[in-house]
Amino acid sequence: MKKIVEAGYDAMAPQYLSWSAEIADDPRLRYLDDFDSRLEAGAKVLELGCGAGIPVARKLAERHDVLGVDLSQRQVGLAQANVPGARFEKADMTALDFPDGTFDGIAAFYSILHVPRAEQPALIAKIAKWLKPGGFFLASLGTGTPDVTETWLGVEMFFGSNTPARNRELLAEHLEIVTDDLVTMHEPDPATFHWVLARRS
């Protein structure tokens, strides 16, 4: 599965950036602004699934110490070129390990939905552990897609997500949910995502 995601994003790295930029009603900048406003200047921020670094890492790097990770080496290379003020590494987010309380903020935009559903509970538990007390986690999660491999944007891609109710359960085990929204955007086909902002007590 992870090889499918890696190969898919390697193959379409520049195409994905231009495709995503054309989605007129993508709400991520609105949520990103809210997330950014809750962080003190110079905060340590982790982005899981950073892609080419635009727009999220670029925006966050204006004020913060940003580390972006992505499964695709080509995406990491683009991010390093696009956002020289941040650090980027090729990594599988489910295999990462950081000391407790490393980050003030963690963001995951349209990336956890490429992780098998069975692996998402452990990932969310680790994310919560990596946050400092008072730290924030912002994510756009899926809404209940069974684990599936399909053709997407001309490449083979894996998707899997829990229902919003299950997402809430997993988050509430470790974090306080601050924002909980279901938002439909058009890619151009309608696609609904579960946007959550959660805080470590």
N, C-alpha and C. Protein backbone atom coordinates (compact mmCIF):
# COMPACT_ATOMS: atom_id res chain seq x y z
N MET A 1 0.83 -1.21 0.00
CA MET A 1 0.00 0.00 0.00
C MET A 1 0.87 1.26 0.00
N LYS A 2 1.86 1.31 0.90
CA LYS A 2 2.68 2.52 0.98
C LYS A 2 3.51 2.72 -0.28
N LYS A 3 3.91 1.61 -0.91
CA LYS A 3 4.63 1.71 -2.18
C LYS A 3 3.73 2.30 -3.26
N ILE A 4 2.42 1.96 -3.20
CA ILE A 4 1.48 2.52 -4.17
C ILE A 4 1.37 4.04 -3.99
N VAL A 5 1.23 4.49 -2.75
CA VAL A 5 1.11 5.92 -2.48
C VAL A 5 2.40 6.64 -2.88
N GLU A 6 3.53 6.08 -2.50
CA GLU A 6 4.82 6.69 -2.84
C GLU A 6 5.00 6.81 -4.35
N ALA A 7 4.77 5.71 -5.07
CA ALA A 7 4.95 5.72 -6.52
C ALA A 7 3.96 6.66 -7.20
N GLY A 8 2.73 6.70 -6.68
CA GLY A 8 1.73 7.57 -7.28
C GLY A 8 2.09 9.04 -7.16
N TYR A 9 2.51 9.45 -5.97
CA TYR A 9 2.87 10.86 -5.78
C TYR A 9 4.20 11.21 -6.44
N ASP A 10 5.11 10.26 -6.55
CA ASP A 10 6.32 10.50 -7.33
C ASP A 10 5.96 10.78 -8.78
N ALA A 11 5.04 9.98 -9.32
CA ALA A 11 4.69 10.07 -10.74
C ALA A 11 3.97 11.37 -11.08
N MET A 12 3.16 11.87 -10.14
CA MET A 12 2.34 13.04 -10.47
C MET A 12 2.71 14.28 -9.67
N ALA A 13 3.92 14.36 -9.17
CA ALA A 13 4.29 15.45 -8.26
C ALA A 13 3.95 16.85 -8.81
N PRO A 14 4.43 17.25 -9.98
CA PRO A 14 4.09 18.61 -10.44
C PRO A 14 2.61 18.73 -10.79
N GLN A 15 2.03 17.68 -11.37
CA GLN A 15 0.62 17.70 -11.77
C GLN A 15 -0.28 17.89 -10.55
N TYR A 16 0.03 17.23 -9.44
CA TYR A 16 -0.82 17.33 -8.26
C TYR A 16 -0.86 18.76 -7.73
N LEU A 17 0.28 19.42 -7.74
CA LEU A 17 0.33 20.80 -7.22
C LEU A 17 -0.55 21.71 -8.07
N SER A 18 -0.47 21.60 -9.38
CA SER A 18 -1.28 22.47 -10.24
C SER A 18 -2.76 22.10 -10.15
N TRP A 19 -3.07 20.80 -10.05
CA TRP A 19 -4.46 20.36 -9.92
C TRP A 19 -5.09 20.88 -8.63
N SER A 20 -4.39 20.74 -7.53
CA SER A 20 -4.96 21.15 -6.25
C SER A 20 -5.13 22.66 -6.18
N ALA A 21 -4.25 23.41 -6.84
CA ALA A 21 -4.34 24.87 -6.83
C ALA A 21 -5.58 25.38 -7.56
N GLU A 22 -6.15 24.54 -8.42
CA GLU A 22 -7.31 24.96 -9.21
C GLU A 22 -8.64 24.68 -8.51
N ILE A 23 -8.62 24.07 -7.32
CA ILE A 23 -9.85 23.78 -6.60
C ILE A 23 -10.30 25.07 -5.90
N ALA A 24 -11.33 25.69 -6.44
CA ALA A 24 -11.71 27.04 -5.99
C ALA A 24 -12.25 27.06 -4.57
N ASP A 25 -12.92 25.97 -4.15
CA ASP A 25 -13.56 26.00 -2.83
C ASP A 25 -12.83 25.12 -1.80
N ASP A 26 -11.54 24.89 -2.01
CA ASP A 26 -10.74 24.17 -1.01
C ASP A 26 -10.64 25.04 0.24
N PRO A 27 -11.09 24.54 1.40
CA PRO A 27 -11.12 25.38 2.60
C PRO A 27 -9.82 25.40 3.40
N ARG A 28 -8.76 24.77 2.88
CA ARG A 28 -7.60 24.57 3.75
C ARG A 28 -6.93 25.86 4.20
N LEU A 29 -6.95 26.90 3.37
CA LEU A 29 -6.30 28.14 3.79
C LEU A 29 -7.04 28.79 4.97
N ARG A 30 -8.35 28.65 4.99
CA ARG A 30 -9.13 29.19 6.11
C ARG A 30 -8.77 28.46 7.41
N TYR A 31 -8.70 27.15 7.35
CA TYR A 31 -8.33 26.39 8.55
C TYR A 31 -6.87 26.62 8.92
N LEU A 32 -6.02 26.76 7.90
CA LEU A 32 -4.61 27.02 8.16
C LEU A 32 -4.41 28.34 8.88
N ASP A 33 -5.14 29.37 8.47
CA ASP A 33 -5.03 30.68 9.13
C ASP A 33 -5.44 30.59 10.60
N ASP A 34 -6.50 29.85 10.88
CA ASP A 34 -6.94 29.69 12.26
C ASP A 34 -5.89 28.96 13.09
N PHE A 35 -5.36 27.88 12.53
CA PHE A 35 -4.30 27.10 13.19
C PHE A 35 -3.08 27.98 13.46
N ASP A 36 -2.66 28.71 12.45
CA ASP A 36 -1.48 29.58 12.57
C ASP A 36 -1.68 30.63 13.66
N SER A 37 -2.88 31.18 13.73
CA SER A 37 -3.15 32.25 14.69
C SER A 37 -3.11 31.77 16.14
N ARG A 38 -3.25 30.48 16.34
CA ARG A 38 -3.24 29.92 17.69
C ARG A 38 -1.82 29.60 18.18
N LEU A 39 -0.84 29.71 17.28
CA LEU A 39 0.54 29.36 17.62
C LEU A 39 1.36 30.62 17.86
N GLU A 40 2.21 30.56 18.87
CA GLU A 40 3.15 31.66 19.11
C GLU A 40 4.19 31.69 18.00
N ALA A 41 4.72 32.88 17.71
CA ALA A 41 5.77 32.99 16.70
C ALA A 41 6.95 32.09 17.10
N GLY A 42 7.53 31.42 16.12
CA GLY A 42 8.66 30.53 16.38
C GLY A 42 8.27 29.15 16.86
N ALA A 43 6.97 28.83 16.78
CA ALA A 43 6.50 27.51 17.21
C ALA A 43 7.14 26.40 16.37
N LYS A 44 7.29 25.25 16.99
CA LYS A 44 7.77 24.07 16.27
C LYS A 44 6.56 23.34 15.69
N VAL A 45 6.54 23.22 14.36
CA VAL A 45 5.38 22.66 13.66
C VAL A 45 5.81 21.51 12.77
N LEU A 46 5.03 20.44 12.80
CA LEU A 46 5.24 19.27 11.95
C LEU A 46 4.10 19.20 10.94
N GLU A 47 4.43 19.04 9.66
CA GLU A 47 3.40 18.79 8.65
C GLU A 47 3.56 17.37 8.13
N LEU A 48 2.52 16.58 8.29
CA LEU A 48 2.51 15.18 7.84
C LEU A 48 1.89 15.11 6.45
N GLY A 49 2.70 14.72 5.47
CA GLY A 49 2.24 14.73 4.09
C GLY A 49 2.34 16.12 3.51
N CYS A 50 3.55 16.64 3.44
CA CYS A 50 3.76 18.05 3.08
C CYS A 50 3.64 18.30 1.59
N GLY A 51 3.69 17.24 0.76
CA GLY A 51 3.64 17.45 -0.68
C GLY A 51 4.76 18.37 -1.14
N ALA A 52 4.43 19.27 -2.05
CA ALA A 52 5.42 20.18 -2.62
C ALA A 52 5.65 21.42 -1.77
N GLY A 53 5.07 21.46 -0.58
CA GLY A 53 5.33 22.57 0.33
C GLY A 53 4.44 23.78 0.16
N ILE A 54 3.58 23.77 -0.86
CA ILE A 54 2.70 24.90 -1.16
C ILE A 54 1.25 24.43 -1.07
N PRO A 55 0.41 25.14 -0.36
CA PRO A 55 0.65 26.42 0.31
C PRO A 55 0.98 26.31 1.80
N VAL A 56 0.88 25.09 2.38
CA VAL A 56 0.87 24.99 3.84
C VAL A 56 2.24 25.28 4.46
N ALA A 57 3.25 24.53 4.08
CA ALA A 57 4.57 24.74 4.69
C ALA A 57 5.09 26.15 4.41
N ARG A 58 4.83 26.65 3.20
CA ARG A 58 5.29 28.00 2.87
C ARG A 58 4.68 29.03 3.81
N LYS A 59 3.37 28.91 4.04
CA LYS A 59 2.68 29.84 4.94
C LYS A 59 3.22 29.70 6.37
N LEU A 60 3.31 28.48 6.87
CA LEU A 60 3.75 28.26 8.25
C LEU A 60 5.19 28.70 8.46
N ALA A 61 6.04 28.52 7.45
CA ALA A 61 7.46 28.85 7.59
C ALA A 61 7.70 30.35 7.69
N GLU A 62 6.69 31.15 7.38
CA GLU A 62 6.85 32.61 7.54
C GLU A 62 7.01 32.99 9.01
N ARG A 63 6.43 32.18 9.91
CA ARG A 63 6.47 32.51 11.34
C ARG A 63 7.05 31.42 12.23
N HIS A 64 7.19 30.21 11.68
CA HIS A 64 7.48 29.08 12.56
C HIS A 64 8.65 28.22 12.07
N ASP A 65 9.09 27.34 12.95
CA ASP A 65 10.13 26.34 12.67
C ASP A 65 9.41 25.10 12.16
N VAL A 66 9.47 24.87 10.86
CA VAL A 66 8.64 23.84 10.22
C VAL A 66 9.46 22.65 9.75
N LEU A 67 8.96 21.46 10.08
CA LEU A 67 9.48 20.20 9.53
C LEU A 67 8.34 19.55 8.75
N GLY A 68 8.57 19.31 7.46
CA GLY A 68 7.58 18.62 6.64
C GLY A 68 8.08 17.25 6.27
N VAL A 69 7.20 16.27 6.32
CA VAL A 69 7.58 14.91 5.91
C VAL A 69 6.60 14.43 4.85
N ASP A 70 7.09 13.62 3.93
CA ASP A 70 6.26 13.06 2.88
C ASP A 70 6.84 11.73 2.44
N LEU A 71 5.97 10.84 2.00
CA LEU A 71 6.39 9.51 1.55
C LEU A 71 7.07 9.57 0.19
N SER A 72 6.82 10.64 -0.57
CA SER A 72 7.33 10.77 -1.93
C SER A 72 8.60 11.62 -1.97
N GLN A 73 9.68 11.03 -2.47
CA GLN A 73 10.94 11.77 -2.58
C GLN A 73 10.81 12.93 -3.56
N ARG A 74 10.05 12.75 -4.63
CA ARG A 74 9.88 13.84 -5.60
C ARG A 74 9.13 15.01 -4.97
N GLN A 75 8.12 14.71 -4.16
CA GLN A 75 7.42 15.79 -3.48
C GLN A 75 8.34 16.51 -2.50
N VAL A 76 9.15 15.76 -1.78
CA VAL A 76 10.10 16.37 -0.84
C VAL A 76 11.08 17.28 -1.59
N GLY A 77 11.55 16.82 -2.74
CA GLY A 77 12.46 17.65 -3.53
C GLY A 77 11.82 18.96 -3.97
N LEU A 78 10.56 18.89 -4.39
CA LEU A 78 9.85 20.11 -4.75
C LEU A 78 9.68 21.03 -3.55
N ALA A 79 9.34 20.45 -2.41
CA ALA A 79 9.16 21.26 -1.19
C ALA A 79 10.45 21.96 -0.79
N GLN A 80 11.57 21.25 -0.88
CA GLN A 80 12.85 21.86 -0.53
C GLN A 80 13.16 23.05 -1.44
N ALA A 81 12.79 22.95 -2.71
CA ALA A 81 13.02 24.05 -3.64
C ALA A 81 12.02 25.19 -3.41
N ASN A 82 10.77 24.83 -3.10
CA ASN A 82 9.71 25.84 -2.96
C ASN A 82 9.75 26.59 -1.64
N VAL A 83 10.24 25.92 -0.58
CA VAL A 83 10.21 26.52 0.76
C VAL A 83 11.58 26.32 1.42
N PRO A 84 12.57 27.11 1.01
CA PRO A 84 13.91 26.94 1.58
C PRO A 84 13.99 27.26 3.07
N GLY A 85 12.98 27.93 3.60
CA GLY A 85 12.99 28.29 5.01
C GLY A 85 12.49 27.21 5.94
N ALA A 86 12.15 26.04 5.41
CA ALA A 86 11.70 24.92 6.23
C ALA A 86 12.57 23.70 5.96
N ARG A 87 12.41 22.68 6.80
CA ARG A 87 13.13 21.41 6.62
C ARG A 87 12.16 20.34 6.15
N PHE A 88 12.64 19.47 5.27
CA PHE A 88 11.78 18.42 4.73
C PHE A 88 12.53 17.09 4.71
N GLU A 89 11.79 16.04 4.98
CA GLU A 89 12.38 14.70 4.99
C GLU A 89 11.43 13.71 4.34
N LYS A 90 12.00 12.73 3.63
CA LYS A 90 11.19 11.61 3.13
C LYS A 90 10.97 10.65 4.28
N ALA A 91 9.71 10.38 4.61
CA ALA A 91 9.41 9.49 5.73
C ALA A 91 7.98 9.00 5.64
N ASP A 92 7.76 7.83 6.22
CA ASP A 92 6.43 7.26 6.39
C ASP A 92 5.91 7.77 7.73
N MET A 93 4.80 8.51 7.70
CA MET A 93 4.32 9.13 8.94
C MET A 93 4.00 8.10 10.02
N THR A 94 3.62 6.89 9.63
CA THR A 94 3.27 5.88 10.63
C THR A 94 4.51 5.28 11.29
N ALA A 95 5.68 5.51 10.71
CA ALA A 95 6.92 4.97 11.26
C ALA A 95 7.75 6.02 11.99
N LEU A 96 7.29 7.26 12.01
CA LEU A 96 8.02 8.33 12.68
C LEU A 96 8.02 8.12 14.19
N ASP A 97 9.05 8.69 14.83
CA ASP A 97 9.08 8.67 16.29
C ASP A 97 9.75 9.95 16.77
N PHE A 98 9.08 10.65 17.66
CA PHE A 98 9.63 11.86 18.26
C PHE A 98 9.43 11.77 19.77
N PRO A 99 10.26 12.47 20.54
CA PRO A 99 10.02 12.52 21.99
C PRO A 99 8.67 13.16 22.31
N ASP A 100 8.11 12.80 23.43
CA ASP A 100 6.86 13.40 23.88
C ASP A 100 7.03 14.92 23.94
N GLY A 101 6.00 15.65 23.51
CA GLY A 101 6.00 17.09 23.65
C GLY A 101 6.98 17.83 22.75
N THR A 102 7.25 17.28 21.56
CA THR A 102 8.22 17.92 20.65
C THR A 102 7.65 19.13 19.94
N PHE A 103 6.36 19.09 19.58
CA PHE A 103 5.80 20.09 18.68
C PHE A 103 4.69 20.93 19.33
N ASP A 104 4.65 22.20 18.92
CA ASP A 104 3.55 23.08 19.32
C ASP A 104 2.33 22.87 18.44
N GLY A 105 2.56 22.43 17.22
CA GLY A 105 1.46 22.20 16.29
C GLY A 105 1.81 21.11 15.30
N ILE A 106 0.81 20.34 14.90
CA ILE A 106 0.96 19.30 13.88
C ILE A 106 -0.20 19.44 12.91
N ALA A 107 0.10 19.42 11.62
CA ALA A 107 -0.93 19.54 10.59
C ALA A 107 -0.84 18.37 9.62
N ALA A 108 -1.99 17.93 9.15
CA ALA A 108 -2.05 16.84 8.17
C ALA A 108 -3.19 17.13 7.20
N PHE A 109 -2.85 17.63 6.03
CA PHE A 109 -3.85 18.02 5.04
C PHE A 109 -3.99 16.93 3.98
N TYR A 110 -5.14 16.29 3.93
CA TYR A 110 -5.44 15.29 2.90
C TYR A 110 -4.39 14.18 2.84
N SER A 111 -3.79 13.83 3.97
CA SER A 111 -2.72 12.83 3.95
C SER A 111 -3.03 11.57 4.76
N ILE A 112 -3.70 11.73 5.91
CA ILE A 112 -4.00 10.56 6.74
C ILE A 112 -4.95 9.62 6.01
N LEU A 113 -5.71 10.12 5.05
CA LEU A 113 -6.61 9.27 4.29
C LEU A 113 -5.88 8.34 3.31
N HIS A 114 -4.54 8.43 3.27
CA HIS A 114 -3.75 7.46 2.52
C HIS A 114 -3.15 6.39 3.45
N VAL A 115 -3.53 6.42 4.71
CA VAL A 115 -3.08 5.44 5.71
C VAL A 115 -4.19 4.42 5.92
N PRO A 116 -3.88 3.12 5.92
CA PRO A 116 -4.94 2.12 6.17
C PRO A 116 -5.69 2.42 7.46
N ARG A 117 -6.98 2.15 7.43
CA ARG A 117 -7.80 2.47 8.59
C ARG A 117 -7.29 1.80 9.87
N ALA A 118 -6.79 0.60 9.75
CA ALA A 118 -6.33 -0.12 10.94
C ALA A 118 -5.12 0.54 11.59
N GLU A 119 -4.37 1.36 10.82
CA GLU A 119 -3.18 2.01 11.35
C GLU A 119 -3.47 3.42 11.88
N GLN A 120 -4.65 3.94 11.62
CA GLN A 120 -4.93 5.32 12.02
C GLN A 120 -5.06 5.52 13.53
N PRO A 121 -5.63 4.59 14.30
CA PRO A 121 -5.69 4.81 15.75
C PRO A 121 -4.31 4.99 16.39
N ALA A 122 -3.35 4.16 16.01
CA ALA A 122 -2.01 4.27 16.57
C ALA A 122 -1.33 5.56 16.12
N LEU A 123 -1.58 5.98 14.89
CA LEU A 123 -1.00 7.23 14.39
C LEU A 123 -1.54 8.42 15.17
N ILE A 124 -2.84 8.46 15.39
CA ILE A 124 -3.43 9.59 16.13
C ILE A 124 -2.92 9.61 17.57
N ALA A 125 -2.75 8.44 18.17
CA ALA A 125 -2.19 8.38 19.53
C ALA A 125 -0.78 8.95 19.56
N LYS A 126 0.02 8.64 18.54
CA LYS A 126 1.39 9.17 18.49
C LYS A 126 1.40 10.68 18.27
N ILE A 127 0.53 11.14 17.39
CA ILE A 127 0.44 12.58 17.15
C ILE A 127 0.14 13.32 18.45
N ALA A 128 -0.81 12.81 19.21
CA ALA A 128 -1.16 13.45 20.48
C ALA A 128 0.03 13.48 21.43
N LYS A 129 0.79 12.41 21.45
CA LYS A 129 1.96 12.32 22.32
C LYS A 129 3.05 13.31 21.90
N TRP A 130 3.19 13.49 20.60
CA TRP A 130 4.24 14.40 20.10
C TRP A 130 3.93 15.87 20.41
N LEU A 131 2.68 16.20 20.67
CA LEU A 131 2.32 17.58 20.95
C LEU A 131 2.71 17.98 22.37
N LYS A 132 3.12 19.23 22.51
CA LYS A 132 3.29 19.81 23.84
C LYS A 132 1.92 20.03 24.47
N PRO A 133 1.82 20.06 25.78
CA PRO A 133 0.55 20.47 26.40
C PRO A 133 0.11 21.82 25.85
N GLY A 134 -1.14 21.90 25.44
CA GLY A 134 -1.64 23.12 24.82
C GLY A 134 -1.42 23.18 23.32
N GLY A 135 -0.72 22.18 22.76
CA GLY A 135 -0.46 22.15 21.33
C GLY A 135 -1.68 21.74 20.52
N PHE A 136 -1.67 22.08 19.24
CA PHE A 136 -2.82 21.86 18.37
C PHE A 136 -2.51 20.90 17.22
N PHE A 137 -3.52 20.10 16.89
CA PHE A 137 -3.47 19.20 15.74
C PHE A 137 -4.59 19.57 14.79
N LEU A 138 -4.23 19.89 13.55
CA LEU A 138 -5.20 20.23 12.51
C LEU A 138 -5.13 19.20 11.40
N ALA A 139 -6.28 18.66 11.01
CA ALA A 139 -6.27 17.64 9.95
C ALA A 139 -7.55 17.68 9.14
N SER A 140 -7.41 17.31 7.87
CA SER A 140 -8.57 17.01 7.02
C SER A 140 -8.57 15.50 6.85
N LEU A 141 -9.55 14.87 7.47
CA LEU A 141 -9.68 13.42 7.46
C LEU A 141 -10.76 13.00 6.47
N GLY A 142 -10.75 11.73 6.13
CA GLY A 142 -11.80 11.21 5.26
C GLY A 142 -13.08 10.99 6.03
N THR A 143 -14.08 10.44 5.34
CA THR A 143 -15.42 10.31 5.94
C THR A 143 -15.95 8.88 5.87
N GLY A 144 -15.05 7.89 5.71
CA GLY A 144 -15.51 6.52 5.77
C GLY A 144 -15.33 5.72 4.50
N THR A 145 -14.23 5.94 3.79
CA THR A 145 -13.92 5.16 2.59
C THR A 145 -13.27 3.84 3.00
N PRO A 146 -13.82 2.70 2.58
CA PRO A 146 -13.13 1.43 2.86
C PRO A 146 -11.74 1.44 2.22
N ASP A 147 -10.80 0.72 2.80
CA ASP A 147 -9.47 0.63 2.21
C ASP A 147 -9.60 0.17 0.76
N VAL A 148 -9.10 0.99 -0.16
CA VAL A 148 -9.29 0.69 -1.58
C VAL A 148 -8.12 1.26 -2.39
N THR A 149 -7.75 0.55 -3.44
CA THR A 149 -6.79 1.06 -4.41
C THR A 149 -7.53 1.32 -5.71
N GLU A 150 -7.37 2.53 -6.24
CA GLU A 150 -8.09 2.89 -7.45
C GLU A 150 -7.26 3.87 -8.27
N THR A 151 -7.67 4.11 -9.49
CA THR A 151 -6.99 5.08 -10.35
C THR A 151 -7.49 6.49 -10.00
N TRP A 152 -6.55 7.38 -9.73
CA TRP A 152 -6.86 8.76 -9.33
C TRP A 152 -5.83 9.68 -9.96
N LEU A 153 -6.28 10.67 -10.68
CA LEU A 153 -5.40 11.61 -11.38
C LEU A 153 -4.39 10.87 -12.26
N GLY A 154 -4.84 9.75 -12.83
CA GLY A 154 -4.02 9.02 -13.78
C GLY A 154 -3.02 8.05 -13.18
N VAL A 155 -3.01 7.90 -11.85
CA VAL A 155 -2.08 6.97 -11.21
C VAL A 155 -2.85 6.03 -10.27
N GLU A 156 -2.23 4.94 -9.91
CA GLU A 156 -2.81 4.05 -8.93
C GLU A 156 -2.61 4.66 -7.54
N MET A 157 -3.66 4.70 -6.72
CA MET A 157 -3.57 5.36 -5.41
C MET A 157 -4.39 4.59 -4.39
N PHE A 158 -3.91 4.60 -3.15
CA PHE A 158 -4.61 3.95 -2.04
C PHE A 158 -5.33 4.99 -1.20
N PHE A 159 -6.56 4.66 -0.77
CA PHE A 159 -7.32 5.50 0.14
C PHE A 159 -7.95 4.63 1.23
N GLY A 160 -8.10 5.21 2.40
CA GLY A 160 -8.82 4.55 3.49
C GLY A 160 -9.14 5.58 4.56
N SER A 161 -10.36 5.54 5.06
CA SER A 161 -10.70 6.51 6.11
C SER A 161 -11.83 5.98 6.97
N ASN A 162 -11.85 6.48 8.19
CA ASN A 162 -12.91 6.15 9.13
C ASN A 162 -14.07 7.13 8.99
N THR A 163 -15.20 6.76 9.56
CA THR A 163 -16.35 7.67 9.55
C THR A 163 -16.06 8.85 10.48
N PRO A 164 -16.76 9.96 10.31
CA PRO A 164 -16.58 11.08 11.24
C PRO A 164 -16.80 10.66 12.69
N ALA A 165 -17.78 9.81 12.95
CA ALA A 165 -18.02 9.38 14.34
C ALA A 165 -16.80 8.65 14.89
N ARG A 166 -16.20 7.78 14.08
CA ARG A 166 -15.00 7.06 14.53
C ARG A 166 -13.81 8.01 14.66
N ASN A 167 -13.67 8.96 13.73
CA ASN A 167 -12.60 9.96 13.86
C ASN A 167 -12.71 10.68 15.20
N ARG A 168 -13.93 11.06 15.56
CA ARG A 168 -14.14 11.78 16.83
C ARG A 168 -13.74 10.91 18.02
N GLU A 169 -14.11 9.65 17.97
CA GLU A 169 -13.75 8.73 19.05
C GLU A 169 -12.24 8.63 19.21
N LEU A 170 -11.55 8.47 18.10
CA LEU A 170 -10.09 8.31 18.14
C LEU A 170 -9.42 9.57 18.68
N LEU A 171 -9.88 10.72 18.25
CA LEU A 171 -9.30 11.97 18.72
C LEU A 171 -9.60 12.21 20.19
N ALA A 172 -10.84 11.96 20.59
CA ALA A 172 -11.26 12.27 21.95
C ALA A 172 -10.57 11.40 23.00
N GLU A 173 -10.00 10.28 22.57
CA GLU A 173 -9.23 9.45 23.50
C GLU A 173 -7.99 10.17 24.01
N HIS A 174 -7.49 11.13 23.21
CA HIS A 174 -6.21 11.75 23.53
C HIS A 174 -6.23 13.27 23.57
N LEU A 175 -7.21 13.88 22.90
CA LEU A 175 -7.20 15.33 22.68
C LEU A 175 -8.58 15.92 22.89
N GLU A 176 -8.60 17.22 23.08
CA GLU A 176 -9.86 17.96 23.17
C GLU A 176 -10.20 18.51 21.79
N ILE A 177 -11.35 18.14 21.26
CA ILE A 177 -11.74 18.59 19.93
C ILE A 177 -12.26 20.03 20.00
N VAL A 178 -11.67 20.91 19.20
CA VAL A 178 -12.02 22.33 19.19
C VAL A 178 -12.90 22.66 17.99
N THR A 179 -12.56 22.12 16.83
CA THR A 179 -13.31 22.34 15.59
C THR A 179 -13.65 20.98 15.00
N ASP A 180 -14.88 20.84 14.51
CA ASP A 180 -15.37 19.56 13.99
C ASP A 180 -16.34 19.88 12.86
N ASP A 181 -15.84 19.91 11.61
CA ASP A 181 -16.64 20.35 10.47
C ASP A 181 -16.60 19.32 9.34
N LEU A 182 -17.72 19.13 8.70
CA LEU A 182 -17.78 18.38 7.45
C LEU A 182 -17.92 19.39 6.32
N VAL A 183 -16.96 19.39 5.40
CA VAL A 183 -16.94 20.39 4.32
C VAL A 183 -16.84 19.68 2.98
N THR A 184 -17.72 20.05 2.06
CA THR A 184 -17.68 19.50 0.71
C THR A 184 -17.07 20.52 -0.24
N MET A 185 -16.06 20.07 -0.98
CA MET A 185 -15.48 20.92 -2.02
C MET A 185 -15.61 20.18 -3.35
N HIS A 186 -15.21 20.84 -4.43
CA HIS A 186 -15.41 20.28 -5.77
C HIS A 186 -14.07 20.17 -6.50
N GLU A 187 -13.77 18.93 -6.95
CA GLU A 187 -12.43 18.62 -7.48
C GLU A 187 -12.31 18.37 -8.98
N PRO A 188 -13.27 18.48 -9.88
CA PRO A 188 -14.56 19.19 -9.75
C PRO A 188 -15.70 18.34 -9.17
N ASP A 189 -15.55 17.01 -9.09
CA ASP A 189 -16.62 16.23 -8.45
C ASP A 189 -16.66 16.54 -6.96
N PRO A 190 -17.84 16.50 -6.35
CA PRO A 190 -17.92 16.79 -4.91
C PRO A 190 -17.11 15.80 -4.08
N ALA A 191 -16.38 16.31 -3.10
CA ALA A 191 -15.62 15.47 -2.18
C ALA A 191 -15.75 16.09 -0.79
N THR A 192 -16.16 15.27 0.18
CA THR A 192 -16.39 15.75 1.53
C THR A 192 -15.29 15.28 2.46
N PHE A 193 -14.78 16.20 3.27
CA PHE A 193 -13.71 15.89 4.21
C PHE A 193 -14.12 16.31 5.62
N HIS A 194 -13.55 15.62 6.59
CA HIS A 194 -13.82 15.89 7.99
C HIS A 194 -12.67 16.73 8.53
N TRP A 195 -12.92 18.01 8.73
CA TRP A 195 -11.90 18.93 9.22
C TRP A 195 -11.97 18.98 10.74
N VAL A 196 -10.85 18.73 11.38
CA VAL A 196 -10.81 18.73 12.84
C VAL A 196 -9.60 19.54 13.33
N LEU A 197 -9.83 20.28 14.38
CA LEU A 197 -8.77 20.93 15.13
C LEU A 197 -8.90 20.43 16.56
N ALA A 198 -7.81 19.89 17.09
CA ALA A 198 -7.86 19.33 18.44
C ALA A 198 -6.66 19.83 19.24
N ARG A 199 -6.83 19.86 20.55
CA ARG A 199 -5.82 20.43 21.44
C ARG A 199 -5.42 19.42 22.49
N ARG A 200 -4.12 19.36 22.76
CA ARG A 200 -3.66 18.52 23.86
C ARG A 200 -3.81 19.29 25.17
N SER A 201 -4.43 18.68 26.13
CA SER A 201 -4.65 19.35 27.43
C SER A 201 -3.33 19.58 28.16
